[in-house]
C-alpha atoms as a PDB file:
ATOM      1  CA  MET A   1     139.016 173.780 125.395  1.00  0.00           C
ATOM      2  CA  PRO A   2     142.776 173.224 125.317  1.00  0.00           C
ATOM      3  CA  ARG A   3     144.853 173.539 128.468  1.00  0.00           C
ATOM      4  CA  VAL A   4     146.916 176.234 126.739  1.00  0.00           C
ATOM      5  CA  SER A   5     145.731 179.134 124.646  1.00  0.00           C
ATOM      6  CA  GLU A   6     145.164 178.863 120.928  1.00  0.00           C
ATOM      7  CA  ILE A   7     147.161 181.406 118.982  1.00  0.00           C
ATOM      8  CA  SER A   8     144.857 183.239 116.617  1.00  0.00           C
ATOM      9  CA  PRO A   9     145.533 182.616 112.926  1.00  0.00           C
ATOM     10  CA  ASP A  10     145.006 186.350 112.438  1.00  0.00           C
ATOM     11  CA  THR A  11     148.392 186.890 114.120  1.00  0.00           C
ATOM     12  CA  PHE A  12     150.310 184.520 111.812  1.00  0.00           C
ATOM     13  CA  ASP A  13     152.759 185.880 109.273  1.00  0.00           C
ATOM     14  CA  PRO A  14     151.706 185.267 105.639  1.00  0.00           C
ATOM     15  CA  ALA A  15     153.711 182.036 105.257  1.00  0.00           C
ATOM     16  CA  ARG A  16     152.333 180.498 108.454  1.00  0.00           C
ATOM     17  CA  ARG A  17     148.816 181.682 107.584  1.00  0.00           C
ATOM     18  CA  ALA A  18     149.097 179.984 104.188  1.00  0.00           C
ATOM     19  CA  LEU A  19     150.253 176.796 105.924  1.00  0.00           C
ATOM     20  CA  PHE A  20     147.369 177.077 108.406  1.00  0.00           C
ATOM     21  CA  ASP A  21     144.862 177.442 105.553  1.00  0.00           C
ATOM     22  CA  ALA A  22     146.368 174.521 103.605  1.00  0.00           C
ATOM     23  CA  PHE A  23     146.588 172.221 106.632  1.00  0.00           C
ATOM     24  CA  THR A  24     143.206 173.027 108.152  1.00  0.00           C
ATOM     25  CA  GLY A  25     141.181 173.564 104.990  1.00  0.00           C
ATOM     26  CA  ASN A  26     140.823 177.258 105.865  1.00  0.00           C
ATOM     27  CA  GLY A  27     140.036 176.441 109.477  1.00  0.00           C
ATOM     28  CA  ALA A  28     137.599 173.573 108.873  1.00  0.00           C
ATOM     29  CA  HIS A  29     139.688 170.782 110.462  1.00  0.00           C
ATOM     30  CA  PHE A  30     142.380 170.712 113.143  1.00  0.00           C
ATOM     31  CA  ALA A  31     142.520 174.506 113.495  1.00  0.00           C
ATOM     32  CA  ASP A  32     142.676 174.164 117.269  1.00  0.00           C
ATOM     33  CA  GLN A  33     145.542 171.683 117.019  1.00  0.00           C
ATOM     34  CA  PHE A  34     147.489 173.948 114.661  1.00  0.00           C
ATOM     35  CA  SER A  35     146.803 177.010 116.817  1.00  0.00           C
ATOM     36  CA  VAL A  36     148.150 175.280 119.928  1.00  0.00           C
ATOM     37  CA  LEU A  37     151.140 173.860 118.063  1.00  0.00           C
ATOM     38  CA  ALA A  38     151.880 177.446 116.954  1.00  0.00           C
ATOM     39  CA  HIS A  39     153.368 178.104 120.408  1.00  0.00           C
ATOM     40  CA  VAL A  40     156.456 176.262 119.122  1.00  0.00           C
ATOM     41  CA  GLY A  41     157.467 177.780 115.786  1.00  0.00           C
ATOM     42  CA  PRO A  42     159.644 174.964 114.415  1.00  0.00           C
ATOM     43  CA  ALA A  43     156.985 172.381 115.272  1.00  0.00           C
ATOM     44  CA  VAL A  44     154.127 174.249 113.600  1.00  0.00           C
ATOM     45  CA  ASP A  45     156.269 175.138 110.602  1.00  0.00           C
ATOM     46  CA  HIS A  46     157.484 171.586 109.967  1.00  0.00           C
ATOM     47  CA  LEU A  47     154.973 169.000 111.240  1.00  0.00           C
ATOM     48  CA  PRO A  48     151.929 170.207 109.259  1.00  0.00           C
ATOM     49  CA  GLN A  49     154.139 170.759 106.199  1.00  0.00           C
ATOM     50  CA  LEU A  50     155.494 167.219 106.500  1.00  0.00           C
ATOM     51  CA  LEU A  51     151.963 165.800 106.625  1.00  0.00           C
ATOM     52  CA  LEU A  52     150.887 167.883 103.626  1.00  0.00           C
ATOM     53  CA  GLU A  53     153.917 166.733 101.619  1.00  0.00           C
ATOM     54  CA  LEU A  54     153.342 163.089 102.503  1.00  0.00           C
ATOM     55  CA  LYS A  55     149.704 163.371 101.468  1.00  0.00           C
ATOM     56  CA  ALA A  56     150.631 165.100  98.191  1.00  0.00           C
ATOM     57  CA  ARG A  57     153.205 162.489  97.218  1.00  0.00           C
ATOM     58  CA  ASN A  58     150.618 159.738  97.710  1.00  0.00           C
ATOM     59  CA  GLY A  59     153.300 157.135  98.445  1.00  0.00           C
ATOM     60  CA  VAL A  60     150.830 155.007 100.388  1.00  0.00           C
ATOM     61  CA  SER A  61     147.158 154.703  99.514  1.00  0.00           C
ATOM     62  CA  TYR A  62     144.926 157.215 101.291  1.00  0.00           C
ATOM     63  CA  ARG A  63     142.791 154.273 102.433  1.00  0.00           C
ATOM     64  CA  TYR A  64     145.689 152.685 104.329  1.00  0.00           C
ATOM     65  CA  ILE A  65     146.847 155.970 105.854  1.00  0.00           C
ATOM     66  CA  GLU A  66     143.372 156.823 107.126  1.00  0.00           C
ATOM     67  CA  MET A  67     142.867 153.264 108.388  1.00  0.00           C
ATOM     68  CA  ALA A  68     146.179 153.512 110.235  1.00  0.00           C
ATOM     69  CA  ILE A  69     145.236 156.832 111.811  1.00  0.00           C
ATOM     70  CA  VAL A  70     141.873 155.516 112.983  1.00  0.00           C
ATOM     71  CA  VAL A  71     143.353 152.280 114.363  1.00  0.00           C
ATOM     72  CA  VAL A  72     146.109 154.086 116.291  1.00  0.00           C
ATOM     73  CA  SER A  73     143.552 156.581 117.595  1.00  0.00           C
ATOM     74  CA  LEU A  74     141.192 153.803 118.681  1.00  0.00           C
ATOM     75  CA  LEU A  75     144.051 152.058 120.489  1.00  0.00           C
ATOM     76  CA  ASN A  76     145.074 155.306 122.185  1.00  0.00           C
ATOM     77  CA  ASP A  77     141.473 156.308 122.928  1.00  0.00           C
ATOM     78  CA  CYS A  78     141.846 159.624 121.089  1.00  0.00           C
ATOM     79  CA  GLU A  79     138.244 160.424 120.211  1.00  0.00           C
ATOM     80  CA  TYR A  80     139.268 163.738 118.615  1.00  0.00           C
ATOM     81  CA  CYS A  81     141.301 161.918 115.966  1.00  0.00           C
ATOM     82  CA  VAL A  82     138.791 159.089 115.513  1.00  0.00           C
ATOM     83  CA  ALA A  83     135.976 161.598 115.036  1.00  0.00           C
ATOM     84  CA  ASN A  84     137.988 163.576 112.482  1.00  0.00           C
ATOM     85  CA  HIS A  85     139.353 160.618 110.504  1.00  0.00           C
ATOM     86  CA  ALA A  86     136.670 157.891 110.602  1.00  0.00           C
ATOM     87  CA  PRO A  87     134.367 159.823 108.222  1.00  0.00           C
ATOM     88  CA  ARG A  88     137.224 160.127 105.717  1.00  0.00           C
ATOM     89  CA  LEU A  89     137.190 156.380 105.227  1.00  0.00           C
ATOM     90  CA  GLU A  90     133.654 156.484 103.830  1.00  0.00           C
ATOM     91  CA  VAL A  91     135.005 157.640 100.460  1.00  0.00           C
ATOM     92  CA  GLU A  92     137.302 154.605 100.633  1.00  0.00           C
ATOM     93  CA  GLY A  93     134.421 152.173 101.118  1.00  0.00           C
ATOM     94  CA  ILE A  94     134.554 151.793 104.886  1.00  0.00           C
ATOM     95  CA  SER A  95     131.517 153.134 106.695  1.00  0.00           C
ATOM     96  CA  GLU A  96     131.984 155.339 109.734  1.00  0.00           C
ATOM     97  CA  ALA A  97     130.528 152.552 111.888  1.00  0.00           C
ATOM     98  CA  GLY A  98     132.937 150.127 110.216  1.00  0.00           C
ATOM     99  CA  ALA A  99     135.843 152.486 110.876  1.00  0.00           C
ATOM    100  CA  ARG A 100     135.003 152.532 114.561  1.00  0.00           C
ATOM    101  CA  LYS A 101     135.176 148.713 114.556  1.00  0.00           C
ATOM    102  CA  LEU A 102     138.556 148.365 112.850  1.00  0.00           C
ATOM    103  CA  LEU A 103     140.104 146.740 115.921  1.00  0.00           C
ATOM    104  CA  ASP A 104     137.807 143.782 115.229  1.00  0.00           C
ATOM    105  CA  TYR A 105     139.460 143.338 111.845  1.00  0.00           C
ATOM    106  CA  ALA A 106     139.654 139.546 111.513  1.00  0.00           C
ATOM    107  CA  ASP A 107     136.044 139.148 110.380  1.00  0.00           C
ATOM    108  CA  HIS A 108     135.389 142.754 109.356  1.00  0.00           C
ATOM    109  CA  PRO A 109     133.132 142.603 106.270  1.00  0.00           C
ATOM    110  CA  GLU A 110     134.398 145.894 104.800  1.00  0.00           C
ATOM    111  CA  LEU A 111     138.092 144.920 104.806  1.00  0.00           C
ATOM    112  CA  SER A 112     140.191 143.118 102.217  1.00  0.00           C
ATOM    113  CA  ASP A 113     143.040 140.810 103.177  1.00  0.00           C
ATOM    114  CA  ILE A 114     145.499 143.664 102.598  1.00  0.00           C
ATOM    115  CA  ASP A 115     143.406 145.967 104.810  1.00  0.00           C
ATOM    116  CA  LYS A 116     143.541 143.343 107.558  1.00  0.00           C
ATOM    117  CA  LEU A 117     147.308 143.079 107.212  1.00  0.00           C
ATOM    118  CA  VAL A 118     147.592 146.865 107.533  1.00  0.00           C
ATOM    119  CA  VAL A 119     145.442 146.847 110.678  1.00  0.00           C
ATOM    120  CA  GLU A 120     147.487 143.981 112.129  1.00  0.00           C
ATOM    121  CA  TYR A 121     150.692 145.935 111.444  1.00  0.00           C
ATOM    122  CA  VAL A 122     149.294 149.164 112.903  1.00  0.00           C
ATOM    123  CA  ILE A 123     148.342 147.359 116.104  1.00  0.00           C
ATOM    124  CA  ALA A 124     151.795 145.784 116.348  1.00  0.00           C
ATOM    125  CA  VAL A 125     153.641 149.067 115.780  1.00  0.00           C
ATOM    126  CA  THR A 126     151.443 150.865 118.295  1.00  0.00           C
ATOM    127  CA  GLN A 127     151.425 148.253 121.029  1.00  0.00           C
ATOM    128  CA  GLN A 128     154.663 146.273 120.822  1.00  0.00           C
ATOM    129  CA  PRO A 129     156.958 147.392 118.006  1.00  0.00           C
ATOM    130  CA  GLN A 130     159.918 145.526 119.480  1.00  0.00           C
ATOM    131  CA  ARG A 131     158.029 142.223 119.096  1.00  0.00           C
ATOM    132  CA  ILE A 132     157.026 142.400 115.433  1.00  0.00           C
ATOM    133  CA  ARG A 133     158.027 139.138 113.783  1.00  0.00           C
ATOM    134  CA  ASP A 134     159.838 138.894 110.462  1.00  0.00           C
ATOM    135  CA  HIS A 135     156.894 137.045 108.881  1.00  0.00           C
ATOM    136  CA  VAL A 136     154.815 140.240 109.210  1.00  0.00           C
ATOM    137  CA  PHE A 137     157.379 142.091 107.085  1.00  0.00           C
ATOM    138  CA  THR A 138     157.460 139.236 104.595  1.00  0.00           C
ATOM    139  CA  ARG A 139     153.700 139.598 104.212  1.00  0.00           C
ATOM    140  CA  LEU A 140     153.965 143.415 103.985  1.00  0.00           C
ATOM    141  CA  ARG A 141     156.643 143.175 101.273  1.00  0.00           C
ATOM    142  CA  ALA A 142     154.248 141.158  99.140  1.00  0.00           C
ATOM    143  CA  HIS A 143     152.055 144.272  98.825  1.00  0.00           C
ATOM    144  CA  PHE A 144     154.214 147.296  99.681  1.00  0.00           C
ATOM    145  CA  SER A 145     157.618 148.613  98.669  1.00  0.00           C
ATOM    146  CA  GLU A 146     160.184 149.317 101.352  1.00  0.00           C
ATOM    147  CA  ALA A 147     159.531 153.042 100.943  1.00  0.00           C
ATOM    148  CA  GLN A 148     155.822 152.424 101.513  1.00  0.00           C
ATOM    149  CA  ILE A 149     156.529 150.336 104.629  1.00  0.00           C
ATOM    150  CA  VAL A 150     158.741 153.123 105.983  1.00  0.00           C
ATOM    151  CA  GLU A 151     156.100 155.760 105.226  1.00  0.00           C
ATOM    152  CA  LEU A 152     153.303 153.692 106.749  1.00  0.00           C
ATOM    153  CA  THR A 153     155.402 153.161 109.889  1.00  0.00           C
ATOM    154  CA  LEU A 154     156.178 156.888 110.005  1.00  0.00           C
ATOM    155  CA  ARG A 155     152.496 157.800 109.736  1.00  0.00           C
ATOM    156  CA  ILE A 156     151.558 155.274 112.448  1.00  0.00           C
ATOM    157  CA  SER A 157     154.210 156.720 114.755  1.00  0.00           C
ATOM    158  CA  LEU A 158     153.254 160.333 114.018  1.00  0.00           C
ATOM    159  CA  CYS A 159     149.635 159.525 114.765  1.00  0.00           C
ATOM    160  CA  GLY A 160     150.679 158.221 118.177  1.00  0.00           C
ATOM    161  CA  PHE A 161     152.463 161.525 118.770  1.00  0.00           C
ATOM    162  CA  PHE A 162     149.425 163.569 117.745  1.00  0.00           C
ATOM    163  CA  ASN A 163     147.122 161.428 119.919  1.00  0.00           C
ATOM    164  CA  ARG A 164     149.276 162.084 122.974  1.00  0.00           C
ATOM    165  CA  PHE A 165     149.726 165.764 122.131  1.00  0.00           C
ATOM    166  CA  ASN A 166     145.971 166.257 121.752  1.00  0.00           C
ATOM    167  CA  GLN A 167     145.125 164.304 124.882  1.00  0.00           C
ATOM    168  CA  ALA A 168     147.725 165.913 127.156  1.00  0.00           C
ATOM    169  CA  LEU A 169     146.711 169.417 126.083  1.00  0.00           C
ATOM    170  CA  GLN A 170     143.001 168.538 125.795  1.00  0.00           C
ATOM    171  CA  ILE A 171     142.790 169.684 122.198  1.00  0.00           C
ATOM    172  CA  GLY A 172     139.371 169.048 120.729  1.00  0.00           C
ATOM    173  CA  GLU A 173     137.793 168.195 124.054  1.00  0.00           C
ATOM    174  CA  ASP A 174     134.495 169.653 125.088  1.00  0.00           C
ATOM    175  CA  ALA A 175     134.944 172.534 127.505  1.00  0.00           C
ATOM    176  CA  THR A 176     132.381 170.894 129.783  1.00  0.00           C
ATOM    177  CA  ALA A 177     134.322 167.623 130.019  1.00  0.00           C
ATOM    178  CA  VAL A 178     135.105 166.572 133.571  1.00  0.00           C
ATOM    179  CA  HIS A 179     138.750 165.811 134.345  1.00  0.00           C
ATOM    180  CA  PRO A 180     139.861 164.521 137.717  1.00  0.00           C
ATOM    181  CA  ALA A 181     142.311 166.745 139.575  1.00  0.00           C
END
């Protein structure tokens, strides 16, 4: 149960309700996150819309975006995001068990060389972005346009935001979870 109340979708104006339905799949996924974010109108009106637009434009392969989200979430220990995104990789040829082992990417049997490069980059952006070496970008440019590199970096960074947002407000956590005072 979140640390703040969830605003009921029944109270949303028609535009926000339509955004809620589009973003959550009519309440199937991330409804609690959206309903907490709704406390701040500009945030709930723009962040979910941004994610929907990025997904619709398909600038970066769905496989790489979902891998990035799972890797960032594993690094940040955000089980809510891992649990919601790891199954999505199954349609991309990465089992849920394999998704949960993405941090062990070097010898991962379900990953291509490009997948491994993406995981390496995600780890670098998440852990030490100021220390990423130019050779990483040289390797990225061999497979991705500059726009794709920017979008991938944006999605990695946004995932870090959502991990922290969910964790701080205990979104998606079991109401019986024990938290030290």
